[in-house]
Amino acid sequence: MPRVATTPVQVRLPDPVNEFLAELAAERHESKTQIVIEALELLRDHLLAQRLEQGYREIGDVQLDIVEAMQPLVAEALPE
């Protein structure tokens, strides 16, 4: 991982969460910081995907409204 500027922070975690974090870090031979960074990146990606999906749904709804509004005009313009 390339070096980036960091800021020290302190957070309080419930004991079971802290124990899981410590166990996972030891199991993977990584720091707890690396585990937290990975978890937050995954959460960010998940939330972005949800937002994109919602946006695509909204665009699809608008496009459907346009198509439905245009159908009578298209029917009049097309020869039978």
Protein backbone atom coordinates (compact mmCIF):
# COMPACT_ATOMS: atom_id res chain seq x y z
CA MET A 1 0.00 0.00 0.00
CA PRO A 2 1.48 3.39 -0.92
CA ARG A 3 2.21 5.74 1.93
CA VAL A 4 -0.35 8.48 2.43
CA ALA A 5 -0.71 11.16 5.04
CA THR A 6 -2.49 9.90 8.14
CA THR A 7 -4.16 11.45 11.13
CA PRO A 8 -4.19 9.70 14.48
CA VAL A 9 -7.70 9.12 15.81
CA GLN A 10 -9.15 7.36 18.79
CA VAL A 11 -12.36 5.40 18.69
CA ARG A 12 -14.21 3.37 21.28
CA LEU A 13 -15.25 -0.09 20.21
CA PRO A 14 -17.37 -2.61 22.08
CA ASP A 15 -15.15 -5.36 23.50
CA PRO A 16 -16.38 -8.07 21.09
CA VAL A 17 -15.67 -5.81 18.09
CA ASN A 18 -12.22 -4.90 19.38
CA GLU A 19 -11.44 -8.57 20.04
CA PHE A 20 -12.55 -9.50 16.53
CA LEU A 21 -10.43 -6.70 15.07
CA ALA A 22 -7.36 -7.83 17.03
CA GLU A 23 -7.89 -11.49 16.08
CA LEU A 24 -8.35 -10.66 12.41
CA ALA A 25 -5.28 -8.44 12.36
CA ALA A 26 -3.18 -11.18 13.97
CA GLU A 27 -4.57 -13.84 11.64
CA ARG A 28 -3.80 -11.76 8.55
CA HIS A 29 -0.49 -10.38 9.87
CA GLU A 30 -1.76 -6.85 9.36
CA SER A 31 -2.26 -3.92 11.68
CA LYS A 32 -5.66 -3.08 13.09
CA THR A 33 -5.38 0.16 11.11
CA GLN A 34 -5.05 -1.80 7.87
CA ILE A 35 -8.12 -3.87 8.74
CA VAL A 36 -10.17 -0.76 9.55
CA ILE A 37 -9.05 0.96 6.33
CA GLU A 38 -10.08 -2.08 4.29
CA ALA A 39 -13.44 -2.29 6.06
CA LEU A 40 -14.16 1.40 5.46
CA GLU A 41 -13.15 1.13 1.80
CA LEU A 42 -15.53 -1.80 1.37
CA LEU A 43 -18.32 0.14 3.10
CA ARG A 44 -17.65 3.17 0.88
CA ASP A 45 -17.79 0.99 -2.25
CA HIS A 46 -21.00 -0.66 -1.05
CA LEU A 47 -22.69 2.68 -0.35
CA LEU A 48 -21.58 4.07 -3.71
CA ALA A 49 -23.02 1.03 -5.48
CA GLN A 50 -26.32 1.52 -3.62
CA ARG A 51 -26.45 5.19 -4.61
CA LEU A 52 -25.68 4.38 -8.25
CA GLU A 53 -28.35 1.69 -8.30
CA GLN A 54 -30.91 4.13 -6.86
CA GLY A 55 -29.90 6.77 -9.40
CA TYR A 56 -30.25 4.32 -12.29
CA ARG A 57 -33.70 3.34 -11.02
CA GLU A 58 -34.75 7.00 -10.87
CA ILE A 59 -33.43 7.66 -14.38
CA GLY A 60 -35.22 4.55 -15.61
CA ASP A 61 -38.48 5.81 -14.10
CA VAL A 62 -38.08 9.17 -15.86
CA GLN A 63 -37.30 7.47 -19.16
CA LEU A 64 -40.35 5.24 -18.78
CA ASP A 65 -42.52 8.31 -18.14
CA ILE A 66 -41.15 9.93 -21.31
CA VAL A 67 -41.78 6.81 -23.40
CA GLU A 68 -45.34 6.51 -22.08
CA ALA A 69 -46.01 10.18 -22.79
CA MET A 70 -44.66 9.86 -26.33
CA GLN A 71 -46.62 6.72 -27.30
CA PRO A 72 -49.78 8.53 -28.43
CA LEU A 73 -47.72 10.96 -30.53
CA VAL A 74 -45.73 8.16 -32.11
CA ALA A 75 -48.90 6.21 -32.85
CA GLU A 76 -50.35 9.24 -34.69
CA ALA A 77 -47.15 9.80 -36.68
CA LEU A 78 -46.62 6.22 -37.81
CA PRO A 79 -48.58 4.90 -40.77
CA GLU A 80 -50.80 1.95 -40.05
